[in-house]
Amino acid sequence: MPKIKVINTETNETIDLKAGYGANLRKAALYNNAEVYKGLSKFLNCHGHGMCGKCVVEIEPMENVNPRTIFENLHKLKPHQKLGCRVKVYGDITVKTAIVD
């Protein structure tokens, strides 16, 4: 069962959680009361469909998650960033959420 350390860059809050192998990062974080969105995006988002680009996260190491998806390429994210709603967790990771652009 992968361990996930979620660091909210907006509030500096850190939450440690566990998720099943292949779990969706956004769902696991929200289930454990870890915020993936910044500011009002918590309420104004696409609810995990990959369309809005509001759940951008930075993940280390990238080897423990799935490869980039077409949604991440369309949003032109940096190489170390992914959409939280598109991430499948396959190993222990550290995630920075509420990314400031």
PDB file of N, CA and C in Angstrom:
ATOM      1  N   MET A   1       0.848  -1.172   0.000  1.00  0.00           N
ATOM      2  CA  MET A   1       0.000   0.000   0.000  1.00  0.00           C
ATOM      3  C   MET A   1       0.900   1.244   0.000  1.00  0.00           C
ATOM      4  N   PRO A   2       0.877   2.033  -1.083  1.00  0.00           N
ATOM      5  CA  PRO A   2       1.749   3.203  -1.184  1.00  0.00           C
ATOM      6  C   PRO A   2       1.443   4.276  -0.131  1.00  0.00           C
ATOM      7  N   LYS A   3       2.510   4.909   0.350  1.00  0.00           N
ATOM      8  CA  LYS A   3       2.386   6.023   1.288  1.00  0.00           C
ATOM      9  C   LYS A   3       2.498   7.320   0.500  1.00  0.00           C
ATOM     10  N   ILE A   4       1.629   8.270   0.832  1.00  0.00           N
ATOM     11  CA  ILE A   4       1.601   9.564   0.141  1.00  0.00           C
ATOM     12  C   ILE A   4       1.766  10.669   1.174  1.00  0.00           C
ATOM     13  N   LYS A   5       2.726  11.539   0.945  1.00  0.00           N
ATOM     14  CA  LYS A   5       2.913  12.710   1.800  1.00  0.00           C
ATOM     15  C   LYS A   5       2.436  13.916   0.993  1.00  0.00           C
ATOM     16  N   VAL A   6       1.377  14.571   1.460  1.00  0.00           N
ATOM     17  CA  VAL A   6       0.782  15.701   0.764  1.00  0.00           C
ATOM     18  C   VAL A   6       1.187  16.991   1.473  1.00  0.00           C
ATOM     19  N   ILE A   7       1.851  17.885   0.750  1.00  0.00           N
ATOM     20  CA  ILE A   7       2.274  19.175   1.285  1.00  0.00           C
ATOM     21  C   ILE A   7       1.507  20.267   0.557  1.00  0.00           C
ATOM     22  N   ASN A   8       0.659  20.989   1.293  1.00  0.00           N
ATOM     23  CA  ASN A   8      -0.108  22.082   0.709  1.00  0.00           C
ATOM     24  C   ASN A   8       0.777  23.333   0.722  1.00  0.00           C
ATOM     25  N   THR A   9       1.169  23.823  -0.462  1.00  0.00           N
ATOM     26  CA  THR A   9       2.082  24.968  -0.545  1.00  0.00           C
ATOM     27  C   THR A   9       1.402  26.281  -0.169  1.00  0.00           C
ATOM     28  N   GLU A  10       0.082  26.299  -0.133  1.00  0.00           N
ATOM     29  CA  GLU A  10      -0.658  27.506   0.227  1.00  0.00           C
ATOM     30  C   GLU A  10      -0.740  27.672   1.749  1.00  0.00           C
ATOM     31  N   THR A  11      -0.946  26.566   2.470  1.00  0.00           N
ATOM     32  CA  THR A  11      -1.132  26.618   3.928  1.00  0.00           C
ATOM     33  C   THR A  11       0.040  26.006   4.707  1.00  0.00           C
ATOM     34  N   ASN A  12       0.998  25.400   3.997  1.00  0.00           N
ATOM     35  CA  ASN A  12       2.127  24.688   4.606  1.00  0.00           C
ATOM     36  C   ASN A  12       1.683  23.519   5.482  1.00  0.00           C
ATOM     37  N   GLU A  13       0.480  23.011   5.261  1.00  0.00           N
ATOM     38  CA  GLU A  13      -0.032  21.849   5.989  1.00  0.00           C
ATOM     39  C   GLU A  13       0.491  20.571   5.332  1.00  0.00           C
ATOM     40  N   THR A  14       0.887  19.606   6.145  1.00  0.00           N
ATOM     41  CA  THR A  14       1.375  18.319   5.647  1.00  0.00           C
ATOM     42  C   THR A  14       0.496  17.208   6.181  1.00  0.00           C
ATOM     43  N   ILE A  15       0.072  16.321   5.278  1.00  0.00           N
ATOM     44  CA  ILE A  15      -0.764  15.187   5.657  1.00  0.00           C
ATOM     45  C   ILE A  15      -0.144  13.922   5.073  1.00  0.00           C
ATOM     46  N   ASP A  16       0.006  12.899   5.913  1.00  0.00           N
ATOM     47  CA  ASP A  16       0.481  11.596   5.459  1.00  0.00           C
ATOM     48  C   ASP A  16      -0.716  10.671   5.334  1.00  0.00           C
ATOM     49  N   LEU A  17      -0.794   9.956   4.214  1.00  0.00           N
ATOM     50  CA  LEU A  17      -1.901   9.036   4.001  1.00  0.00           C
ATOM     51  C   LEU A  17      -1.433   7.825   3.228  1.00  0.00           C
ATOM     52  N   LYS A  18      -2.280   6.819   3.169  1.00  0.00           N
ATOM     53  CA  LYS A  18      -2.009   5.613   2.398  1.00  0.00           C
ATOM     54  C   LYS A  18      -3.123   5.440   1.382  1.00  0.00           C
ATOM     55  N   ALA A  19      -2.778   4.839   0.270  1.00  0.00           N
ATOM     56  CA  ALA A  19      -3.772   4.577  -0.775  1.00  0.00           C
ATOM     57  C   ALA A  19      -3.478   3.218  -1.382  1.00  0.00           C
ATOM     58  N   GLY A  20      -4.464   2.621  -1.955  1.00  0.00           N
ATOM     59  CA  GLY A  20      -4.279   1.338  -2.613  1.00  0.00           C
ATOM     60  C   GLY A  20      -3.424   1.470  -3.858  1.00  0.00           C
ATOM     61  N   TYR A  21      -2.803   0.390  -4.267  1.00  0.00           N
ATOM     62  CA  TYR A  21      -1.977   0.374  -5.467  1.00  0.00           C
ATOM     63  C   TYR A  21      -2.830   0.751  -6.674  1.00  0.00           C
ATOM     64  N   GLY A  22      -2.416   1.778  -7.421  1.00  0.00           N
ATOM     65  CA  GLY A  22      -3.162   2.244  -8.588  1.00  0.00           C
ATOM     66  C   GLY A  22      -4.281   3.210  -8.259  1.00  0.00           C
ATOM     67  N   ALA A  23      -4.335   3.687  -7.007  1.00  0.00           N
ATOM     68  CA  ALA A  23      -5.404   4.602  -6.588  1.00  0.00           C
ATOM     69  C   ALA A  23      -5.263   5.959  -7.275  1.00  0.00           C
ATOM     70  N   ASN A  24      -6.372   6.631  -7.438  1.00  0.00           N
ATOM     71  CA  ASN A  24      -6.402   7.983  -7.985  1.00  0.00           C
ATOM     72  C   ASN A  24      -5.981   8.958  -6.889  1.00  0.00           C
ATOM     73  N   LEU A  25      -4.973   9.794  -7.178  1.00  0.00           N
ATOM     74  CA  LEU A  25      -4.429  10.700  -6.178  1.00  0.00           C
ATOM     75  C   LEU A  25      -5.464  11.701  -5.674  1.00  0.00           C
ATOM     76  N   ARG A  26      -6.214  12.328  -6.564  1.00  0.00           N
ATOM     77  CA  ARG A  26      -7.208  13.331  -6.165  1.00  0.00           C
ATOM     78  C   ARG A  26      -8.240  12.730  -5.224  1.00  0.00           C
ATOM     79  N   LYS A  27      -8.760  11.576  -5.570  1.00  0.00           N
ATOM     80  CA  LYS A  27      -9.775  10.934  -4.735  1.00  0.00           C
ATOM     81  C   LYS A  27      -9.206  10.544  -3.374  1.00  0.00           C
ATOM     82  N   ALA A  28      -8.005   9.982  -3.358  1.00  0.00           N
ATOM     83  CA  ALA A  28      -7.381   9.565  -2.094  1.00  0.00           C
ATOM     84  C   ALA A  28      -7.112  10.772  -1.207  1.00  0.00           C
ATOM     85  N   ALA A  29      -6.635  11.867  -1.784  1.00  0.00           N
ATOM     86  CA  ALA A  29      -6.336  13.068  -1.004  1.00  0.00           C
ATOM     87  C   ALA A  29      -7.610  13.670  -0.423  1.00  0.00           C
ATOM     88  N   LEU A  30      -8.625  13.840  -1.240  1.00  0.00           N
ATOM     89  CA  LEU A  30      -9.870  14.435  -0.756  1.00  0.00           C
ATOM     90  C   LEU A  30     -10.548  13.532   0.278  1.00  0.00           C
ATOM     91  N   TYR A  31     -10.469  12.227   0.112  1.00  0.00           N
ATOM     92  CA  TYR A  31     -11.044  11.284   1.081  1.00  0.00           C
ATOM     93  C   TYR A  31     -10.383  11.440   2.450  1.00  0.00           C
ATOM     94  N   ASN A  32      -9.088  11.797   2.448  1.00  0.00           N
ATOM     95  CA  ASN A  32      -8.327  11.963   3.690  1.00  0.00           C
ATOM     96  C   ASN A  32      -8.199  13.429   4.103  1.00  0.00           C
ATOM     97  N   ASN A  33      -9.081  14.277   3.593  1.00  0.00           N
ATOM     98  CA  ASN A  33      -9.119  15.712   3.929  1.00  0.00           C
ATOM     99  C   ASN A  33      -7.828  16.457   3.615  1.00  0.00           C
ATOM    100  N   ALA A  34      -7.127  16.029   2.582  1.00  0.00           N
ATOM    101  CA  ALA A  34      -5.947  16.744   2.091  1.00  0.00           C
ATOM    102  C   ALA A  34      -6.379  17.544   0.868  1.00  0.00           C
ATOM    103  N   GLU A  35      -6.155  18.822   0.880  1.00  0.00           N
ATOM    104  CA  GLU A  35      -6.626  19.693  -0.199  1.00  0.00           C
ATOM    105  C   GLU A  35      -5.663  19.666  -1.382  1.00  0.00           C
ATOM    106  N   VAL A  36      -6.197  19.489  -2.585  1.00  0.00           N
ATOM    107  CA  VAL A  36      -5.367  19.521  -3.789  1.00  0.00           C
ATOM    108  C   VAL A  36      -5.529  20.824  -4.556  1.00  0.00           C
ATOM    109  N   TYR A  37      -6.562  21.583  -4.234  1.00  0.00           N
ATOM    110  CA  TYR A  37      -6.850  22.820  -4.964  1.00  0.00           C
ATOM    111  C   TYR A  37      -6.349  24.052  -4.225  1.00  0.00           C
ATOM    112  N   LYS A  38      -6.179  25.128  -4.966  1.00  0.00           N
ATOM    113  CA  LYS A  38      -5.733  26.405  -4.414  1.00  0.00           C
ATOM    114  C   LYS A  38      -6.916  27.369  -4.396  1.00  0.00           C
ATOM    115  N   GLY A  39      -7.158  28.021  -3.274  1.00  0.00           N
ATOM    116  CA  GLY A  39      -8.188  29.060  -3.167  1.00  0.00           C
ATOM    117  C   GLY A  39      -9.570  28.590  -3.569  1.00  0.00           C
ATOM    118  N   LEU A  40     -10.247  29.412  -4.381  1.00  0.00           N
ATOM    119  CA  LEU A  40     -11.620  29.114  -4.795  1.00  0.00           C
ATOM    120  C   LEU A  40     -11.737  27.935  -5.751  1.00  0.00           C
ATOM    121  N   SER A  41     -10.616  27.478  -6.262  1.00  0.00           N
ATOM    122  CA  SER A  41     -10.653  26.310  -7.142  1.00  0.00           C
ATOM    123  C   SER A  41     -11.190  25.085  -6.420  1.00  0.00           C
ATOM    124  N   LYS A  42     -11.198  25.130  -5.097  1.00  0.00           N
ATOM    125  CA  LYS A  42     -11.788  24.046  -4.304  1.00  0.00           C
ATOM    126  C   LYS A  42     -13.261  23.856  -4.679  1.00  0.00           C
ATOM    127  N   PHE A  43     -13.914  24.948  -5.041  1.00  0.00           N
ATOM    128  CA  PHE A  43     -15.334  24.899  -5.385  1.00  0.00           C
ATOM    129  C   PHE A  43     -15.564  24.985  -6.888  1.00  0.00           C
ATOM    130  N   LEU A  44     -14.645  25.648  -7.595  1.00  0.00           N
ATOM    131  CA  LEU A  44     -14.799  25.879  -9.028  1.00  0.00           C
ATOM    132  C   LEU A  44     -13.818  25.006  -9.802  1.00  0.00           C
ATOM    133  N   ASN A  45     -14.177  23.740  -9.968  1.00  0.00           N
ATOM    134  CA  ASN A  45     -13.318  22.813 -10.698  1.00  0.00           C
ATOM    135  C   ASN A  45     -14.185  21.831 -11.468  1.00  0.00           C
ATOM    136  N   CYS A  46     -13.534  20.983 -12.247  1.00  0.00           N
ATOM    137  CA  CYS A  46     -14.275  20.047 -13.099  1.00  0.00           C
ATOM    138  C   CYS A  46     -14.556  18.712 -12.409  1.00  0.00           C
ATOM    139  N   HIS A  47     -14.277  18.608 -11.110  1.00  0.00           N
ATOM    140  CA  HIS A  47     -14.566  17.424 -10.297  1.00  0.00           C
ATOM    141  C   HIS A  47     -13.870  16.161 -10.795  1.00  0.00           C
ATOM    142  N   GLY A  48     -12.623  16.338 -11.245  1.00  0.00           N
ATOM    143  CA  GLY A  48     -11.812  15.184 -11.598  1.00  0.00           C
ATOM    144  C   GLY A  48     -11.896  14.691 -13.018  1.00  0.00           C
ATOM    145  N   HIS A  49     -12.374  15.513 -13.935  1.00  0.00           N
ATOM    146  CA  HIS A  49     -12.493  15.089 -15.326  1.00  0.00           C
ATOM    147  C   HIS A  49     -11.301  15.507 -16.193  1.00  0.00           C
ATOM    148  N   GLY A  50     -10.340  16.227 -15.612  1.00  0.00           N
ATOM    149  CA  GLY A  50      -9.138  16.602 -16.344  1.00  0.00           C
ATOM    150  C   GLY A  50      -9.283  17.797 -17.261  1.00  0.00           C
ATOM    151  N   MET A  51     -10.383  18.517 -17.172  1.00  0.00           N
ATOM    152  CA  MET A  51     -10.656  19.605 -18.102  1.00  0.00           C
ATOM    153  C   MET A  51     -10.196  20.977 -17.621  1.00  0.00           C
ATOM    154  N   CYS A  52     -10.222  21.233 -16.318  1.00  0.00           N
ATOM    155  CA  CYS A  52      -9.978  22.598 -15.834  1.00  0.00           C
ATOM    156  C   CYS A  52      -8.508  22.895 -15.543  1.00  0.00           C
ATOM    157  N   GLY A  53      -7.727  21.907 -15.194  1.00  0.00           N
ATOM    158  CA  GLY A  53      -6.321  22.117 -14.879  1.00  0.00           C
ATOM    159  C   GLY A  53      -6.083  22.788 -13.539  1.00  0.00           C
ATOM    160  N   LYS A  54      -7.039  22.730 -12.633  1.00  0.00           N
ATOM    161  CA  LYS A  54      -6.919  23.383 -11.323  1.00  0.00           C
ATOM    162  C   LYS A  54      -6.247  22.503 -10.273  1.00  0.00           C
ATOM    163  N   CYS A  55      -6.082  21.225 -10.529  1.00  0.00           N
ATOM    164  CA  CYS A  55      -5.509  20.315  -9.533  1.00  0.00           C
ATOM    165  C   CYS A  55      -4.051  19.962  -9.848  1.00  0.00           C
ATOM    166  N   VAL A  56      -3.303  20.945 -10.337  1.00  0.00           N
ATOM    167  CA  VAL A  56      -1.902  20.717 -10.678  1.00  0.00           C
ATOM    168  C   VAL A  56      -1.111  20.404  -9.409  1.00  0.00           C
ATOM    169  N   VAL A  57      -0.318  19.339  -9.472  1.00  0.00           N
ATOM    170  CA  VAL A  57       0.519  18.929  -8.352  1.00  0.00           C
ATOM    171  C   VAL A  57       1.932  18.661  -8.856  1.00  0.00           C
ATOM    172  N   GLU A  58       2.892  18.747  -7.935  1.00  0.00           N
ATOM    173  CA  GLU A  58       4.270  18.373  -8.237  1.00  0.00           C
ATOM    174  C   GLU A  58       4.563  17.095  -7.464  1.00  0.00           C
ATOM    175  N   ILE A  59       5.096  16.095  -8.152  1.00  0.00           N
ATOM    176  CA  ILE A  59       5.280  14.770  -7.564  1.00  0.00           C
ATOM    177  C   ILE A  59       6.743  14.350  -7.611  1.00  0.00           C
ATOM    178  N   GLU A  60       7.190  13.752  -6.521  1.00  0.00           N
ATOM    179  CA  GLU A  60       8.516  13.132  -6.469  1.00  0.00           C
ATOM    180  C   GLU A  60       8.375  11.778  -5.813  1.00  0.00           C
ATOM    181  N   PRO A  61       8.934  10.723  -6.297  1.00  0.00           N
ATOM    182  CA  PRO A  61       9.522  10.569  -7.619  1.00  0.00           C
ATOM    183  C   PRO A  61       8.448  10.253  -8.660  1.00  0.00           C
ATOM    184  N   MET A  62       8.651  10.740  -9.850  1.00  0.00           N
ATOM    185  CA  MET A  62       7.679  10.548 -10.929  1.00  0.00           C
ATOM    186  C   MET A  62       7.593   9.082 -11.376  1.00  0.00           C
ATOM    187  N   GLU A  63       8.611   8.292 -11.041  1.00  0.00           N
ATOM    188  CA  GLU A  63       8.625   6.880 -11.431  1.00  0.00           C
ATOM    189  C   GLU A  63       7.531   6.082 -10.721  1.00  0.00           C
ATOM    190  N   ASN A  64       6.985   6.608  -9.623  1.00  0.00           N
ATOM    191  CA  ASN A  64       5.985   5.876  -8.845  1.00  0.00           C
ATOM    192  C   ASN A  64       4.550   6.236  -9.212  1.00  0.00           C
ATOM    193  N   VAL A  65       4.374   6.933 -10.336  1.00  0.00           N
ATOM    194  CA  VAL A  65       3.030   7.257 -10.829  1.00  0.00           C
ATOM    195  C   VAL A  65       2.964   6.919 -12.321  1.00  0.00           C
ATOM    196  N   ASN A  66       1.762   6.969 -12.855  1.00  0.00           N
ATOM    197  CA  ASN A  66       1.560   6.659 -14.266  1.00  0.00           C
ATOM    198  C   ASN A  66       2.202   7.719 -15.171  1.00  0.00           C
ATOM    199  N   PRO A  67       2.451   7.389 -16.442  1.00  0.00           N
ATOM    200  CA  PRO A  67       3.015   8.365 -17.385  1.00  0.00           C
ATOM    201  C   PRO A  67       2.037   9.518 -17.645  1.00  0.00           C
ATOM    202  N   ARG A  68       2.551  10.574 -18.265  1.00  0.00           N
ATOM    203  CA  ARG A  68       1.712  11.735 -18.610  1.00  0.00           C
ATOM    204  C   ARG A  68       0.535  11.318 -19.476  1.00  0.00           C
ATOM    205  N   THR A  69      -0.572  12.007 -19.284  1.00  0.00           N
ATOM    206  CA  THR A  69      -1.769  11.742 -20.084  1.00  0.00           C
ATOM    207  C   THR A  69      -1.951  12.859 -21.098  1.00  0.00           C
ATOM    208  N   ILE A  70      -2.858  12.671 -22.006  1.00  0.00           N
ATOM    209  CA  ILE A  70      -3.132  13.690 -23.019  1.00  0.00           C
ATOM    210  C   ILE A  70      -3.641  14.979 -22.370  1.00  0.00           C
ATOM    211  N   PHE A  71      -4.372  14.857 -21.255  1.00  0.00           N
ATOM    212  CA  PHE A  71      -4.879  16.044 -20.561  1.00  0.00           C
ATOM    213  C   PHE A  71      -3.725  16.897 -20.046  1.00  0.00           C
ATOM    214  N   GLU A  72      -2.693  16.254 -19.516  1.00  0.00           N
ATOM    215  CA  GLU A  72      -1.534  16.988 -18.995  1.00  0.00           C
ATOM    216  C   GLU A  72      -0.752  17.645 -20.126  1.00  0.00           C
ATOM    217  N   ASN A  73      -0.700  16.988 -21.267  1.00  0.00           N
ATOM    218  CA  ASN A  73      -0.035  17.588 -22.424  1.00  0.00           C
ATOM    219  C   ASN A  73      -0.832  18.780 -22.949  1.00  0.00           C
ATOM    220  N   LEU A  74      -2.157  18.686 -22.940  1.00  0.00           N
ATOM    221  CA  LEU A  74      -3.003  19.795 -23.405  1.00  0.00           C
ATOM    222  C   LEU A  74      -2.871  21.023 -22.500  1.00  0.00           C
ATOM    223  N   HIS A  75      -2.693  20.810 -21.201  1.00  0.00           N
ATOM    224  CA  HIS A  75      -2.543  21.916 -20.252  1.00  0.00           C
ATOM    225  C   HIS A  75      -1.119  22.453 -20.207  1.00  0.00           C
ATOM    226  N   LYS A  76      -0.208  21.822 -20.977  1.00  0.00           N
ATOM    227  CA  LYS A  76       1.194  22.259 -21.093  1.00  0.00           C
ATOM    228  C   LYS A  76       1.867  22.396 -19.727  1.00  0.00           C
ATOM    229  N   LEU A  77       1.748  21.342 -18.926  1.00  0.00           N
ATOM    230  CA  LEU A  77       2.353  21.332 -17.601  1.00  0.00           C
ATOM    231  C   LEU A  77       3.860  21.126 -17.703  1.00  0.00           C
ATOM    232  N   LYS A  78       4.572  21.579 -16.686  1.00  0.00           N
ATOM    233  CA  LYS A  78       6.016  21.383 -16.621  1.00  0.00           C
ATOM    234  C   LYS A  78       6.299  19.898 -16.438  1.00  0.00           C
ATOM    235  N   PRO A  79       7.525  19.441 -16.768  1.00  0.00           N
ATOM    236  CA  PRO A  79       7.834  18.003 -16.708  1.00  0.00           C
ATOM    237  C   PRO A  79       7.619  17.351 -15.338  1.00  0.00           C
ATOM    238  N   HIS A  80       7.767  18.094 -14.255  1.00  0.00           N
ATOM    239  CA  HIS A  80       7.605  17.522 -12.912  1.00  0.00           C
ATOM    240  C   HIS A  80       6.194  17.714 -12.356  1.00  0.00           C
ATOM    241  N   GLN A  81       5.263  18.191 -13.204  1.00  0.00           N
ATOM    242  CA  GLN A  81       3.893  18.430 -12.759  1.00  0.00           C
ATOM    243  C   GLN A  81       2.922  17.467 -13.430  1.00  0.00           C
ATOM    244  N   LYS A  82       1.826  17.181 -12.724  1.00  0.00           N
ATOM    245  CA  LYS A  82       0.743  16.370 -13.261  1.00  0.00           C
ATOM    246  C   LYS A  82      -0.580  16.920 -12.742  1.00  0.00           C
ATOM    247  N   LEU A  83      -1.664  16.496 -13.332  1.00  0.00           N
ATOM    248  CA  LEU A  83      -2.991  16.817 -12.814  1.00  0.00           C
ATOM    249  C   LEU A  83      -3.327  15.768 -11.755  1.00  0.00           C
ATOM    250  N   GLY A  84      -3.687  16.219 -10.565  1.00  0.00           N
ATOM    251  CA  GLY A  84      -4.006  15.300  -9.473  1.00  0.00           C
ATOM    252  C   GLY A  84      -5.088  14.306  -9.835  1.00  0.00           C
ATOM    253  N   CYS A  85      -6.029  14.729 -10.661  1.00  0.00           N
ATOM    254  CA  CYS A  85      -7.139  13.862 -11.044  1.00  0.00           C
ATOM    255  C   CYS A  85      -6.732  12.778 -12.033  1.00  0.00           C
ATOM    256  N   ARG A  86      -5.567  12.908 -12.647  1.00  0.00           N
ATOM    257  CA  ARG A  86      -5.088  11.942 -13.635  1.00  0.00           C
ATOM    258  C   ARG A  86      -3.988  11.033 -13.091  1.00  0.00           C
ATOM    259  N   VAL A  87      -3.590  11.224 -11.828  1.00  0.00           N
ATOM    260  CA  VAL A  87      -2.473  10.467 -11.252  1.00  0.00           C
ATOM    261  C   VAL A  87      -2.952   9.146 -10.666  1.00  0.00           C
ATOM    262  N   LYS A  88      -2.267   8.074 -11.055  1.00  0.00           N
ATOM    263  CA  LYS A  88      -2.461   6.766 -10.436  1.00  0.00           C
ATOM    264  C   LYS A  88      -1.189   6.465  -9.655  1.00  0.00           C
ATOM    265  N   VAL A  89      -1.343   6.128  -8.388  1.00  0.00           N
ATOM    266  CA  VAL A  89      -0.204   5.942  -7.489  1.00  0.00           C
ATOM    267  C   VAL A  89       0.226   4.483  -7.468  1.00  0.00           C
ATOM    268  N   TYR A  90       1.530   4.237  -7.756  1.00  0.00           N
ATOM    269  CA  TYR A  90       2.073   2.883  -7.776  1.00  0.00           C
ATOM    270  C   TYR A  90       3.192   2.668  -6.762  1.00  0.00           C
ATOM    271  N   GLY A  91       3.537   3.703  -5.984  1.00  0.00           N
ATOM    272  CA  GLY A  91       4.588   3.599  -4.983  1.00  0.00           C
ATOM    273  C   GLY A  91       4.562   4.820  -4.090  1.00  0.00           C
ATOM    274  N   ASP A  92       5.459   4.872  -3.122  1.00  0.00           N
ATOM    275  CA  ASP A  92       5.528   5.996  -2.187  1.00  0.00           C
ATOM    276  C   ASP A  92       5.894   7.282  -2.927  1.00  0.00           C
ATOM    277  N   ILE A  93       5.155   8.370  -2.635  1.00  0.00           N
ATOM    278  CA  ILE A  93       5.412   9.653  -3.292  1.00  0.00           C
ATOM    279  C   ILE A  93       5.245  10.809  -2.309  1.00  0.00           C
ATOM    280  N   THR A  94       5.841  11.926  -2.677  1.00  0.00           N
ATOM    281  CA  THR A  94       5.620  13.199  -1.995  1.00  0.00           C
ATOM    282  C   THR A  94       4.959  14.117  -3.005  1.00  0.00           C
ATOM    283  N   VAL A  95       3.872  14.749  -2.595  1.00  0.00           N
ATOM    284  CA  VAL A  95       3.070  15.583  -3.492  1.00  0.00           C
ATOM    285  C   VAL A  95       2.970  17.003  -2.953  1.00  0.00           C
ATOM    286  N   LYS A  96       3.281  17.988  -3.779  1.00  0.00           N
ATOM    287  CA  LYS A  96       3.054  19.384  -3.433  1.00  0.00           C
ATOM    288  C   LYS A  96       1.783  19.821  -4.146  1.00  0.00           C
ATOM    289  N   THR A  97       0.816  20.319  -3.366  1.00  0.00           N
ATOM    290  CA  THR A  97      -0.467  20.741  -3.919  1.00  0.00           C
ATOM    291  C   THR A  97      -0.630  22.242  -3.828  1.00  0.00           C
ATOM    292  N   ALA A  98      -1.737  22.754  -4.366  1.00  0.00           N
ATOM    293  CA  ALA A  98      -2.050  24.186  -4.372  1.00  0.00           C
ATOM    294  C   ALA A  98      -0.877  24.971  -4.954  1.00  0.00           C
ATOM    295  N   ILE A  99      -0.428  24.554  -6.111  1.00  0.00           N
ATOM    296  CA  ILE A  99       0.733  25.126  -6.769  1.00  0.00           C
ATOM    297  C   ILE A  99       0.449  26.571  -7.189  1.00  0.00           C
ATOM    298  N   VAL A 100       1.395  27.464  -6.900  1.00  0.00           N
ATOM    299  CA  VAL A 100       1.305  28.860  -7.297  1.00  0.00           C
ATOM    300  C   VAL A 100       1.973  29.013  -8.645  1.00  0.00           C
ATOM    301  N   ASP A 101       1.255  29.523  -9.632  1.00  0.00           N
ATOM    302  CA  ASP A 101       1.834  29.704 -10.974  1.00  0.00           C
ATOM    303  C   ASP A 101       2.622  30.981 -11.069  1.00  0.00           C
TER     304      ASP A 101
END
